[in-house]
Amino acid sequence: MKDKLIITNTFRITTFILIIIGVVAFIAGLATDSQRTWSNYLIVNYYFFSLSIGAAFFLTLQYISQSGWSSGFIRIPEAMMAYIPFSAVFFLLIWFGVHDLYHWSHPGVTEHDPLLLHKSAYLNVPFFFIRLVIFFALWIFFTMILRRISIRTDTVAKESVMRYFDKNELYSKIFIFVFALTCLFISFASCMFTK
């Protein structure tokens, strides 16, 4: 029989109090120094996103290399991957602070800067958010498939486990290429051109 995780009322109340403090601090930051607040918001979001996408990368490496040593704690990176959809929401909220973060997002700036004008097909607000939606949709899709297949191995007969492992290995090989390209492009556009 599996142990159930019990979340106490004290833990819930403490969590909600900390969330309220964080929201109030964020609003106060926007009121006093919006540029610094949005910059900190972006850095913090990148930090937690990098932990979750790094866990997905670690998991896929385990399947691709057919590692057995990590089978005892494979649920930990799988649990860390569950943050990626939340990170997607937090990244999309950057819409409200895009002008505080990115110089190239201001209307008319590209006309006066030849370098930005050359990059304007890539560095523009609609395409920036279209990329975010596409990249996060891919990451969420692959991590959900990897997790779903992994959980199936807990309920199938021993002789069927390798079939599911092979499926995860195949999806991991696809994901590793998707990961390499998408992480490069999201990091390049999101961090390199902040004010």
Protein backbone atom coordinates (compact mmCIF):
# COMPACT_ATOMS: atom_id res chain seq x y z
CA MET A 1 0.00 0.00 0.00
CA LYS A 2 1.32 3.43 -0.96
CA ASP A 3 1.75 6.12 1.66
CA LYS A 4 -0.41 9.18 1.15
CA LEU A 5 1.02 12.64 1.37
CA ILE A 6 -0.78 14.50 4.13
CA ILE A 7 -0.79 18.28 3.91
CA THR A 8 -1.61 19.85 7.24
CA ASN A 9 -3.79 22.92 7.69
CA THR A 10 -0.80 24.78 9.15
CA PHE A 11 1.18 24.12 5.98
CA ARG A 12 -1.74 25.30 3.80
CA ILE A 13 -2.25 28.48 5.81
CA THR A 14 1.48 29.25 5.80
CA THR A 15 1.61 28.71 2.04
CA PHE A 16 -1.31 31.06 1.39
CA ILE A 17 0.16 33.71 3.69
CA LEU A 18 3.48 33.55 1.83
CA ILE A 19 1.68 33.78 -1.53
CA ILE A 20 -0.20 36.88 -0.35
CA ILE A 21 3.04 38.46 0.91
CA GLY A 22 4.68 37.73 -2.45
CA VAL A 23 1.80 39.25 -4.44
CA VAL A 24 1.74 42.36 -2.22
CA ALA A 25 5.54 42.75 -2.54
CA PHE A 26 5.28 42.37 -6.33
CA ILE A 27 2.55 45.02 -6.58
CA ALA A 28 4.53 47.36 -4.32
CA GLY A 29 7.58 46.79 -6.51
CA LEU A 30 5.61 47.64 -9.63
CA ALA A 31 4.42 50.85 -7.98
CA THR A 32 7.91 51.96 -6.92
CA ASP A 33 10.29 50.61 -9.61
CA SER A 34 8.58 48.61 -12.33
CA GLN A 35 11.71 47.99 -14.39
CA ARG A 36 13.63 46.43 -11.52
CA THR A 37 10.58 44.45 -10.40
CA TRP A 38 10.01 42.96 -13.86
CA SER A 39 13.74 42.17 -14.18
CA ASN A 40 13.69 40.33 -10.85
CA TYR A 41 10.49 38.56 -11.88
CA LEU A 42 12.17 37.35 -15.09
CA ILE A 43 15.29 36.14 -13.26
CA VAL A 44 13.31 34.26 -10.60
CA ASN A 45 11.07 32.69 -13.22
CA TYR A 46 14.11 31.60 -15.25
CA TYR A 47 15.66 30.08 -12.15
CA PHE A 48 12.70 27.84 -11.35
CA PHE A 49 12.05 27.11 -15.01
CA SER A 50 15.68 26.03 -15.47
CA LEU A 51 15.34 23.59 -12.55
CA SER A 52 12.22 22.01 -14.06
CA ILE A 53 13.46 21.85 -17.66
CA GLY A 54 16.83 20.63 -16.35
CA ALA A 55 15.01 17.79 -14.60
CA ALA A 56 13.34 16.92 -17.91
CA PHE A 57 16.74 16.95 -19.60
CA PHE A 58 18.19 14.70 -16.87
CA LEU A 59 15.25 12.29 -17.23
CA THR A 60 15.64 12.04 -21.00
CA LEU A 61 19.36 11.39 -20.63
CA GLN A 62 18.56 8.47 -18.35
CA TYR A 63 16.29 6.92 -20.97
CA ILE A 64 18.60 7.61 -23.92
CA SER A 65 21.63 6.15 -22.13
CA GLN A 66 19.49 3.26 -20.81
CA SER A 67 20.66 3.96 -17.28
CA GLY A 68 19.47 1.70 -14.53
CA TRP A 69 21.15 3.43 -11.60
CA SER A 70 18.59 6.25 -11.53
CA SER A 71 15.50 4.04 -11.41
CA GLY A 72 15.29 4.39 -7.62
CA PHE A 73 14.69 8.14 -7.74
CA ILE A 74 13.27 8.73 -11.23
CA ARG A 75 10.06 10.13 -9.72
CA ILE A 76 11.98 13.15 -8.38
CA PRO A 77 12.85 14.67 -11.81
CA GLU A 78 9.37 13.70 -12.99
CA ALA A 79 7.88 15.69 -10.10
CA MET A 80 10.15 18.64 -10.87
CA MET A 81 8.95 18.64 -14.49
CA ALA A 82 5.42 19.31 -13.24
CA TYR A 83 6.39 22.96 -12.70
CA ILE A 84 6.78 23.63 -16.45
CA PRO A 85 3.07 24.48 -17.07
CA PHE A 86 3.15 26.92 -14.13
CA SER A 87 6.30 28.47 -15.53
CA ALA A 88 4.50 28.91 -18.85
CA VAL A 89 1.81 30.99 -17.16
CA PHE A 90 4.44 33.10 -15.37
CA PHE A 91 6.31 33.68 -18.64
CA LEU A 92 3.13 34.74 -20.42
CA LEU A 93 2.51 37.29 -17.65
CA ILE A 94 5.62 39.08 -18.95
CA TRP A 95 3.21 40.54 -21.53
CA PHE A 96 2.37 43.20 -18.94
CA GLY A 97 6.03 44.11 -18.37
CA VAL A 98 7.51 43.59 -21.81
CA HIS A 99 8.28 47.30 -22.29
CA ASP A 100 10.07 47.46 -18.94
CA LEU A 101 12.21 44.47 -19.87
CA TYR A 102 13.05 44.80 -23.56
CA HIS A 103 14.24 47.90 -25.35
CA TRP A 104 13.28 46.46 -28.72
CA SER A 105 9.63 46.11 -27.66
CA HIS A 106 8.99 49.86 -27.76
CA PRO A 107 7.26 51.15 -30.90
CA GLY A 108 9.54 53.18 -33.15
CA VAL A 109 12.82 52.06 -31.56
CA THR A 110 13.83 49.79 -34.42
CA GLU A 111 13.59 52.59 -36.99
CA HIS A 112 16.41 54.49 -35.23
CA ASP A 113 18.70 51.53 -34.57
CA PRO A 114 20.06 49.73 -37.66
CA LEU A 115 21.03 46.64 -35.65
CA LEU A 116 17.54 46.28 -34.14
CA LEU A 117 15.99 46.99 -37.53
CA HIS A 118 17.96 44.08 -38.96
CA LYS A 119 16.66 41.81 -36.16
CA SER A 120 13.10 43.15 -36.08
CA ALA A 121 11.63 40.13 -37.88
CA TYR A 122 12.71 38.02 -34.90
CA LEU A 123 12.67 40.59 -32.11
CA ASN A 124 9.10 41.81 -32.00
CA VAL A 125 6.44 41.41 -29.34
CA PRO A 126 3.93 39.19 -31.20
CA PHE A 127 6.59 36.75 -32.42
CA PHE A 128 8.21 36.71 -28.97
CA PHE A 129 4.98 35.46 -27.37
CA ILE A 130 4.17 33.12 -30.27
CA ARG A 131 7.57 31.48 -29.67
CA LEU A 132 6.87 31.22 -25.96
CA VAL A 133 3.53 29.49 -26.58
CA ILE A 134 5.01 27.06 -29.12
CA PHE A 135 8.05 26.21 -27.00
CA PHE A 136 6.08 25.66 -23.81
CA ALA A 137 3.47 23.61 -25.69
CA LEU A 138 6.26 21.32 -26.94
CA TRP A 139 7.89 21.00 -23.52
CA ILE A 140 4.59 20.32 -21.78
CA PHE A 141 3.58 17.80 -24.44
CA PHE A 142 6.79 15.78 -24.18
CA THR A 143 7.08 15.89 -20.40
CA MET A 144 3.46 14.78 -20.01
CA ILE A 145 4.02 11.84 -22.38
CA LEU A 146 7.23 10.81 -20.61
CA ARG A 147 5.50 10.97 -17.22
CA ARG A 148 2.38 9.11 -18.40
CA ILE A 149 4.41 6.27 -19.92
CA SER A 150 6.63 6.08 -16.84
CA ILE A 151 3.61 5.75 -14.53
CA ARG A 152 2.22 2.97 -16.72
CA THR A 153 5.27 0.86 -15.87
CA ASP A 154 4.04 0.71 -12.26
CA THR A 155 0.83 -1.06 -13.24
CA VAL A 156 1.84 -3.40 -16.08
CA ALA A 157 3.26 -6.89 -15.87
CA LYS A 158 7.04 -7.22 -15.54
CA GLU A 159 7.42 -8.59 -19.05
CA SER A 160 5.77 -5.45 -20.52
CA VAL A 161 7.96 -2.91 -18.71
CA MET A 162 10.67 -2.89 -21.39
CA ARG A 163 8.13 -2.01 -24.07
CA TYR A 164 7.21 1.15 -22.16
CA PHE A 165 10.88 1.90 -21.45
CA ASP A 166 11.55 1.70 -25.20
CA LYS A 167 8.70 4.15 -25.84
CA ASN A 168 10.17 6.59 -23.35
CA GLU A 169 13.57 6.16 -24.94
CA LEU A 170 12.12 7.07 -28.36
CA TYR A 171 10.28 10.14 -27.03
CA SER A 172 13.41 11.16 -25.12
CA LYS A 173 15.48 11.07 -28.31
CA ILE A 174 12.98 13.37 -30.01
CA PHE A 175 12.72 15.64 -26.97
CA ILE A 176 16.49 16.10 -26.68
CA PHE A 177 16.60 17.78 -30.11
CA VAL A 178 13.51 19.86 -29.37
CA PHE A 179 15.07 20.85 -26.04
CA ALA A 180 18.38 21.89 -27.62
CA LEU A 181 16.79 24.19 -30.20
CA THR A 182 14.01 25.68 -28.11
CA CYS A 183 16.14 26.41 -25.04
CA LEU A 184 18.71 28.12 -27.22
CA PHE A 185 16.14 30.38 -28.86
CA ILE A 186 14.18 31.21 -25.71
CA SER A 187 17.33 32.10 -23.78
CA PHE A 188 18.77 34.16 -26.61
CA ALA A 189 15.66 36.27 -27.15
CA SER A 190 14.61 36.58 -23.52
CA CYS A 191 17.87 37.38 -21.74
CA MET A 192 20.31 38.86 -24.23
CA PHE A 193 18.24 41.88 -25.10
CA THR A 194 17.02 43.12 -21.74
CA LYS A 195 17.67 46.76 -20.91
